[in-house]
Amino acid sequence: MAETLSLKASPRSGSGSRASLKLRRQGLVPAIVYGHKEANVPVSVSAEELDRAIRVHHARVLDLDLAGKKETVLIRELQWDHLGRTMLHVDFARVSATDRVKVTIPVELRNSPKVSGGAVLDQPLHALHIECSPTQIPEAIRIDITNLLLGAPIHVRELQLPPGVKVLDLPEAVVVQLKLPGAEPTPTAIPEAGVGPEVIKKEKKTDEEAE
């Protein structure tokens, strides 16, 4: 499972693009903490620390430390600039171990097929939509394709999943297979539920901030 890290947050005042720009120039990212029938709290976090938590530790869930008070939060939405380099704003949704959340995680292939029969590797699904406890979010679903054979694709229903993890993609969807060159590509199946991190039955934010 992905490591749960602690991230310090500071309360912030003011809203709008000018206030947000000032924070970003200081190396901070404006953020909002919401959910669990508690008040929305505007905060700021270190851009460097948040970037390291996401890119290095692949964190989805964080222990947010705000003036000594710690809350477990899910990174619900992260906005980037048009170049994908600067974090503009982050939404933190309060969660607990009893919640169920929906997230998208990558599929990682391990090893190579022992026998290919002249076929090439085809991976229609590079990510899976899953539902699980926020404390059970895996970094990825890893598949050993050493024994993958032509004509015997691996489907979603055949995946070995960590305890408590439910895949929302269609069970008959092909994840990876061997195909002869020139064969028609396998269409990607539409998942049964929406994509992206989502806290099930979470409270909808009010007083949305225009960052």
C-alpha atoms as a PDB file:
ATOM      1  CA  MET A   1       0.000   0.000   0.000  1.00  0.00           C
ATOM      2  CA  ALA A   2       1.031   3.592  -0.512  1.00  0.00           C
ATOM      3  CA  GLU A   3       2.774   5.108   2.495  1.00  0.00           C
ATOM      4  CA  THR A   4       0.781   7.547   4.622  1.00  0.00           C
ATOM      5  CA  LEU A   5       2.854  10.675   5.121  1.00  0.00           C
ATOM      6  CA  SER A   6       2.460  13.699   7.352  1.00  0.00           C
ATOM      7  CA  LEU A   7       2.198  17.110   5.705  1.00  0.00           C
ATOM      8  CA  LYS A   8       2.163  20.426   7.551  1.00  0.00           C
ATOM      9  CA  ALA A   9      -0.519  22.953   6.631  1.00  0.00           C
ATOM     10  CA  SER A  10      -1.025  26.576   7.616  1.00  0.00           C
ATOM     11  CA  PRO A  11      -4.299  28.499   7.792  1.00  0.00           C
ATOM     12  CA  ARG A  12      -4.675  31.175   5.119  1.00  0.00           C
ATOM     13  CA  SER A  13      -6.821  34.220   4.713  1.00  0.00           C
ATOM     14  CA  GLY A  14      -7.953  35.924   1.551  1.00  0.00           C
ATOM     15  CA  SER A  15      -9.060  34.358  -1.706  1.00  0.00           C
ATOM     16  CA  GLY A  16      -8.838  34.999  -5.401  1.00  0.00           C
ATOM     17  CA  SER A  17      -6.032  34.917  -7.934  1.00  0.00           C
ATOM     18  CA  ARG A  18      -3.862  37.616  -6.320  1.00  0.00           C
ATOM     19  CA  ALA A  19      -3.755  35.905  -2.946  1.00  0.00           C
ATOM     20  CA  SER A  20      -3.081  32.545  -4.600  1.00  0.00           C
ATOM     21  CA  LEU A  21      -0.294  33.973  -6.752  1.00  0.00           C
ATOM     22  CA  LYS A  22       1.355  35.468  -3.674  1.00  0.00           C
ATOM     23  CA  LEU A  23       1.309  32.085  -1.948  1.00  0.00           C
ATOM     24  CA  ARG A  24       2.762  30.298  -4.958  1.00  0.00           C
ATOM     25  CA  ARG A  25       5.604  32.825  -5.137  1.00  0.00           C
ATOM     26  CA  GLN A  26       6.411  31.827  -1.550  1.00  0.00           C
ATOM     27  CA  GLY A  27       6.620  28.164  -2.531  1.00  0.00           C
ATOM     28  CA  LEU A  28       3.179  27.354  -1.163  1.00  0.00           C
ATOM     29  CA  VAL A  29       0.060  25.806  -2.692  1.00  0.00           C
ATOM     30  CA  PRO A  30      -3.392  27.117  -1.722  1.00  0.00           C
ATOM     31  CA  ALA A  31      -5.701  24.344  -0.592  1.00  0.00           C
ATOM     32  CA  ILE A  32      -9.091  23.620   0.959  1.00  0.00           C
ATOM     33  CA  VAL A  33      -9.947  20.945   3.529  1.00  0.00           C
ATOM     34  CA  TYR A  34     -13.567  19.784   3.578  1.00  0.00           C
ATOM     35  CA  GLY A  35     -15.918  16.904   4.310  1.00  0.00           C
ATOM     36  CA  HIS A  36     -17.278  14.819   7.195  1.00  0.00           C
ATOM     37  CA  LYS A  37     -19.858  17.500   7.999  1.00  0.00           C
ATOM     38  CA  GLU A  38     -17.175  19.854   9.253  1.00  0.00           C
ATOM     39  CA  ALA A  39     -16.425  23.388   8.129  1.00  0.00           C
ATOM     40  CA  ASN A  40     -14.353  24.051   5.035  1.00  0.00           C
ATOM     41  CA  VAL A  41     -10.887  25.216   6.071  1.00  0.00           C
ATOM     42  CA  PRO A  42      -8.663  27.181   3.671  1.00  0.00           C
ATOM     43  CA  VAL A  43      -5.007  26.258   4.124  1.00  0.00           C
ATOM     44  CA  SER A  44      -1.673  26.349   2.341  1.00  0.00           C
ATOM     45  CA  VAL A  45       0.964  23.619   2.093  1.00  0.00           C
ATOM     46  CA  SER A  46       4.556  23.460   0.919  1.00  0.00           C
ATOM     47  CA  ALA A  47       4.670  22.895  -2.843  1.00  0.00           C
ATOM     48  CA  GLU A  48       7.985  21.055  -2.515  1.00  0.00           C
ATOM     49  CA  GLU A  49       6.753  18.696   0.213  1.00  0.00           C
ATOM     50  CA  LEU A  50       3.467  17.978  -1.559  1.00  0.00           C
ATOM     51  CA  ASP A  51       5.263  17.335  -4.854  1.00  0.00           C
ATOM     52  CA  ARG A  52       7.662  14.926  -3.135  1.00  0.00           C
ATOM     53  CA  ALA A  53       4.775  13.113  -1.416  1.00  0.00           C
ATOM     54  CA  ILE A  54       3.030  12.614  -4.756  1.00  0.00           C
ATOM     55  CA  ARG A  55       5.936  11.914  -7.113  1.00  0.00           C
ATOM     56  CA  VAL A  56       8.323  10.036  -4.819  1.00  0.00           C
ATOM     57  CA  HIS A  57       6.015   8.330  -2.325  1.00  0.00           C
ATOM     58  CA  HIS A  58       2.953   8.081  -4.614  1.00  0.00           C
ATOM     59  CA  ALA A  59       0.809   9.267  -1.722  1.00  0.00           C
ATOM     60  CA  ARG A  60      -2.968   9.507  -2.120  1.00  0.00           C
ATOM     61  CA  VAL A  61      -3.794   9.840   1.571  1.00  0.00           C
ATOM     62  CA  LEU A  62      -1.977  12.204   3.928  1.00  0.00           C
ATOM     63  CA  ASP A  63      -1.991  13.046   7.622  1.00  0.00           C
ATOM     64  CA  LEU A  64      -2.485  16.799   7.466  1.00  0.00           C
ATOM     65  CA  ASP A  65      -1.016  18.640  10.452  1.00  0.00           C
ATOM     66  CA  LEU A  66      -2.737  21.978  10.967  1.00  0.00           C
ATOM     67  CA  ALA A  67      -1.503  23.810  14.059  1.00  0.00           C
ATOM     68  CA  GLY A  68      -1.031  20.547  15.932  1.00  0.00           C
ATOM     69  CA  LYS A  69      -4.380  19.096  14.881  1.00  0.00           C
ATOM     70  CA  LYS A  70      -4.004  16.119  12.577  1.00  0.00           C
ATOM     71  CA  GLU A  71      -6.609  15.036  10.051  1.00  0.00           C
ATOM     72  CA  THR A  72      -6.459  12.189   7.556  1.00  0.00           C
ATOM     73  CA  VAL A  73      -7.221  13.533   4.094  1.00  0.00           C
ATOM     74  CA  LEU A  74      -7.484  12.242   0.553  1.00  0.00           C
ATOM     75  CA  ILE A  75      -6.019  14.278  -2.292  1.00  0.00           C
ATOM     76  CA  ARG A  76      -9.364  14.767  -4.004  1.00  0.00           C
ATOM     77  CA  GLU A  77      -8.303  17.103  -6.802  1.00  0.00           C
ATOM     78  CA  LEU A  78      -5.000  18.679  -7.799  1.00  0.00           C
ATOM     79  CA  GLN A  79      -4.940  21.527 -10.317  1.00  0.00           C
ATOM     80  CA  TRP A  80      -1.824  22.234 -12.412  1.00  0.00           C
ATOM     81  CA  ASP A  81      -0.897  25.023 -14.785  1.00  0.00           C
ATOM     82  CA  HIS A  82      -1.218  24.433 -18.542  1.00  0.00           C
ATOM     83  CA  LEU A  83       2.354  23.094 -18.698  1.00  0.00           C
ATOM     84  CA  GLY A  84       1.775  20.634 -15.862  1.00  0.00           C
ATOM     85  CA  ARG A  85       4.679  22.075 -13.864  1.00  0.00           C
ATOM     86  CA  THR A  86       3.154  24.304 -11.203  1.00  0.00           C
ATOM     87  CA  MET A  87       0.530  23.170  -8.715  1.00  0.00           C
ATOM     88  CA  LEU A  88      -2.225  25.785  -8.570  1.00  0.00           C
ATOM     89  CA  HIS A  89      -4.638  24.405  -5.979  1.00  0.00           C
ATOM     90  CA  VAL A  90      -5.384  21.185  -4.110  1.00  0.00           C
ATOM     91  CA  ASP A  91      -8.593  19.849  -2.576  1.00  0.00           C
ATOM     92  CA  PHE A  92      -8.220  17.705   0.540  1.00  0.00           C
ATOM     93  CA  ALA A  93     -11.249  15.589   1.521  1.00  0.00           C
ATOM     94  CA  ARG A  94     -11.418  14.398   5.108  1.00  0.00           C
ATOM     95  CA  VAL A  95     -11.573  10.601   5.299  1.00  0.00           C
ATOM     96  CA  SER A  96     -11.525   7.828   7.866  1.00  0.00           C
ATOM     97  CA  ALA A  97     -10.681   4.147   7.727  1.00  0.00           C
ATOM     98  CA  THR A  98     -14.397   3.307   7.553  1.00  0.00           C
ATOM     99  CA  ASP A  99     -14.937   5.345   4.356  1.00  0.00           C
ATOM    100  CA  ARG A 100     -14.935   3.841   0.880  1.00  0.00           C
ATOM    101  CA  VAL A 101     -13.216   5.887  -1.827  1.00  0.00           C
ATOM    102  CA  LYS A 102     -12.915   5.595  -5.595  1.00  0.00           C
ATOM    103  CA  VAL A 103      -9.510   6.149  -7.152  1.00  0.00           C
ATOM    104  CA  THR A 104      -7.650   5.385 -10.372  1.00  0.00           C
ATOM    105  CA  ILE A 105      -4.418   3.416 -10.075  1.00  0.00           C
ATOM    106  CA  PRO A 106      -1.883   2.291 -12.711  1.00  0.00           C
ATOM    107  CA  VAL A 107      -1.409  -1.225 -14.016  1.00  0.00           C
ATOM    108  CA  GLU A 108       2.228  -2.354 -14.027  1.00  0.00           C
ATOM    109  CA  LEU A 109       3.445  -5.354 -16.041  1.00  0.00           C
ATOM    110  CA  ARG A 110       6.269  -7.453 -14.659  1.00  0.00           C
ATOM    111  CA  ASN A 111       8.695  -9.664 -16.646  1.00  0.00           C
ATOM    112  CA  SER A 112       8.185 -10.785 -20.267  1.00  0.00           C
ATOM    113  CA  PRO A 113       6.265 -13.686 -21.835  1.00  0.00           C
ATOM    114  CA  LYS A 114       8.384 -16.832 -22.121  1.00  0.00           C
ATOM    115  CA  VAL A 115       6.701 -17.734 -25.406  1.00  0.00           C
ATOM    116  CA  SER A 116       5.335 -15.080 -27.755  1.00  0.00           C
ATOM    117  CA  GLY A 117       4.752 -17.106 -30.938  1.00  0.00           C
ATOM    118  CA  GLY A 118       5.570 -14.041 -33.013  1.00  0.00           C
ATOM    119  CA  ALA A 119       2.907 -11.985 -31.255  1.00  0.00           C
ATOM    120  CA  VAL A 120       3.329  -8.549 -29.743  1.00  0.00           C
ATOM    121  CA  LEU A 121       2.258  -7.334 -26.319  1.00  0.00           C
ATOM    122  CA  ASP A 122      -0.991  -5.357 -26.227  1.00  0.00           C
ATOM    123  CA  GLN A 123      -2.204  -3.603 -23.057  1.00  0.00           C
ATOM    124  CA  PRO A 124      -5.694  -2.069 -23.501  1.00  0.00           C
ATOM    125  CA  LEU A 125      -5.916  -1.069 -19.826  1.00  0.00           C
ATOM    126  CA  HIS A 126      -3.077   0.989 -18.353  1.00  0.00           C
ATOM    127  CA  ALA A 127      -5.113   2.059 -15.315  1.00  0.00           C
ATOM    128  CA  LEU A 128      -7.899   0.593 -13.207  1.00  0.00           C
ATOM    129  CA  HIS A 129     -10.762   2.250 -11.378  1.00  0.00           C
ATOM    130  CA  ILE A 130     -11.031   0.809  -7.885  1.00  0.00           C
ATOM    131  CA  GLU A 131     -13.014   1.226  -4.683  1.00  0.00           C
ATOM    132  CA  CYS A 132     -11.490   0.619  -1.259  1.00  0.00           C
ATOM    133  CA  SER A 133     -10.756   2.050   2.163  1.00  0.00           C
ATOM    134  CA  PRO A 134      -8.499   5.115   2.040  1.00  0.00           C
ATOM    135  CA  THR A 135      -6.001   3.182   4.157  1.00  0.00           C
ATOM    136  CA  GLN A 136      -5.882   0.354   1.579  1.00  0.00           C
ATOM    137  CA  ILE A 137      -5.142   2.228  -1.642  1.00  0.00           C
ATOM    138  CA  PRO A 138      -2.410   0.287  -3.501  1.00  0.00           C
ATOM    139  CA  GLU A 139       0.281   2.107  -5.475  1.00  0.00           C
ATOM    140  CA  ALA A 140      -0.503  -0.063  -8.506  1.00  0.00           C
ATOM    141  CA  ILE A 141      -1.864  -3.413  -9.622  1.00  0.00           C
ATOM    142  CA  ARG A 142       1.133  -5.471 -10.718  1.00  0.00           C
ATOM    143  CA  ILE A 143       0.746  -8.377 -13.160  1.00  0.00           C
ATOM    144  CA  ASP A 144       3.349 -11.067 -13.837  1.00  0.00           C
ATOM    145  CA  ILE A 145       3.082 -11.842 -17.574  1.00  0.00           C
ATOM    146  CA  THR A 146       5.781 -14.534 -17.660  1.00  0.00           C
ATOM    147  CA  ASN A 147       3.208 -17.213 -18.584  1.00  0.00           C
ATOM    148  CA  LEU A 148       1.044 -15.043 -20.850  1.00  0.00           C
ATOM    149  CA  LEU A 149       0.102 -16.969 -24.006  1.00  0.00           C
ATOM    150  CA  LEU A 150      -1.289 -16.038 -27.398  1.00  0.00           C
ATOM    151  CA  GLY A 151      -5.067 -16.451 -27.315  1.00  0.00           C
ATOM    152  CA  ALA A 152      -5.233 -16.365 -23.521  1.00  0.00           C
ATOM    153  CA  PRO A 153      -5.607 -12.712 -22.486  1.00  0.00           C
ATOM    154  CA  ILE A 154      -5.763 -11.615 -18.867  1.00  0.00           C
ATOM    155  CA  HIS A 155      -9.135 -10.112 -17.987  1.00  0.00           C
ATOM    156  CA  VAL A 156     -10.128  -7.838 -15.114  1.00  0.00           C
ATOM    157  CA  ARG A 157     -11.967 -10.716 -13.430  1.00  0.00           C
ATOM    158  CA  GLU A 158      -8.719 -12.721 -13.274  1.00  0.00           C
ATOM    159  CA  LEU A 159      -6.656 -10.134 -11.423  1.00  0.00           C
ATOM    160  CA  GLN A 160      -5.266 -10.875  -7.987  1.00  0.00           C
ATOM    161  CA  LEU A 161      -6.365  -7.932  -5.851  1.00  0.00           C
ATOM    162  CA  PRO A 162      -5.284  -6.812  -2.384  1.00  0.00           C
ATOM    163  CA  PRO A 163      -7.824  -7.453   0.414  1.00  0.00           C
ATOM    164  CA  GLY A 164     -10.663  -4.950   0.479  1.00  0.00           C
ATOM    165  CA  VAL A 165     -10.055  -3.672  -3.058  1.00  0.00           C
ATOM    166  CA  LYS A 166     -12.864  -3.817  -5.637  1.00  0.00           C
ATOM    167  CA  VAL A 167     -12.270  -3.098  -9.328  1.00  0.00           C
ATOM    168  CA  LEU A 168     -14.995  -1.025 -10.979  1.00  0.00           C
ATOM    169  CA  ASP A 169     -13.991  -1.776 -14.573  1.00  0.00           C
ATOM    170  CA  LEU A 170     -16.028  -4.394 -16.416  1.00  0.00           C
ATOM    171  CA  PRO A 171     -14.996  -7.949 -15.432  1.00  0.00           C
ATOM    172  CA  GLU A 172     -14.684  -9.047 -19.086  1.00  0.00           C
ATOM    173  CA  ALA A 173     -12.385  -6.163 -20.015  1.00  0.00           C
ATOM    174  CA  VAL A 174      -8.978  -7.278 -21.330  1.00  0.00           C
ATOM    175  CA  VAL A 175      -6.063  -5.885 -19.342  1.00  0.00           C
ATOM    176  CA  VAL A 176      -3.171  -7.375 -21.320  1.00  0.00           C
ATOM    177  CA  GLN A 177      -2.778  -9.900 -24.114  1.00  0.00           C
ATOM    178  CA  LEU A 178      -0.549 -11.161 -26.899  1.00  0.00           C
ATOM    179  CA  LYS A 179      -1.712 -10.261 -30.408  1.00  0.00           C
ATOM    180  CA  LEU A 180      -0.431 -11.072 -33.856  1.00  0.00           C
ATOM    181  CA  PRO A 181       0.763  -8.039 -35.838  1.00  0.00           C
ATOM    182  CA  GLY A 182      -2.062  -6.497 -37.857  1.00  0.00           C
ATOM    183  CA  ALA A 183      -4.847  -7.839 -35.651  1.00  0.00           C
ATOM    184  CA  GLU A 184      -7.688  -5.489 -34.701  1.00  0.00           C
ATOM    185  CA  PRO A 185      -7.088  -3.653 -31.395  1.00  0.00           C
ATOM    186  CA  THR A 186      -9.198  -4.576 -28.388  1.00  0.00           C
ATOM    187  CA  PRO A 187     -11.581  -1.750 -27.432  1.00  0.00           C
ATOM    188  CA  THR A 188     -11.173  -0.390 -23.918  1.00  0.00           C
ATOM    189  CA  ALA A 189     -14.174  -1.181 -21.745  1.00  0.00           C
ATOM    190  CA  ILE A 190     -16.054   1.628 -20.009  1.00  0.00           C
ATOM    191  CA  PRO A 191     -15.918   1.291 -16.219  1.00  0.00           C
ATOM    192  CA  GLU A 192     -19.047   0.823 -14.174  1.00  0.00           C
ATOM    193  CA  ALA A 193     -18.336   3.914 -12.078  1.00  0.00           C
ATOM    194  CA  GLY A 194     -16.730   7.310 -12.513  1.00  0.00           C
ATOM    195  CA  VAL A 195     -13.003   7.984 -12.574  1.00  0.00           C
ATOM    196  CA  GLY A 196     -10.752   9.884 -10.222  1.00  0.00           C
ATOM    197  CA  PRO A 197     -10.539  10.020  -6.454  1.00  0.00           C
ATOM    198  CA  GLU A 198     -13.953  10.328  -4.855  1.00  0.00           C
ATOM    199  CA  VAL A 199     -15.148   9.895  -1.317  1.00  0.00           C
ATOM    200  CA  ILE A 200     -18.390   7.943  -1.472  1.00  0.00           C
ATOM    201  CA  LYS A 201     -21.303   9.790   0.110  1.00  0.00           C
ATOM    202  CA  LYS A 202     -19.024  12.710   0.899  1.00  0.00           C
ATOM    203  CA  GLU A 203     -20.432  16.122   1.600  1.00  0.00           C
ATOM    204  CA  LYS A 204     -20.442  18.491  -1.301  1.00  0.00           C
ATOM    205  CA  LYS A 205     -18.328  21.569  -0.777  1.00  0.00           C
ATOM    206  CA  THR A 206     -20.045  24.853  -0.236  1.00  0.00           C
ATOM    207  CA  ASP A 207     -18.736  28.349  -0.823  1.00  0.00           C
ATOM    208  CA  GLU A 208     -16.402  27.166  -3.589  1.00  0.00           C
ATOM    209  CA  GLU A 209     -13.302  29.269  -3.794  1.00  0.00           C
ATOM    210  CA  ALA A 210     -12.321  30.871  -7.058  1.00  0.00           C
ATOM    211  CA  GLU A 211      -8.594  30.375  -7.000  1.00  0.00           C
END
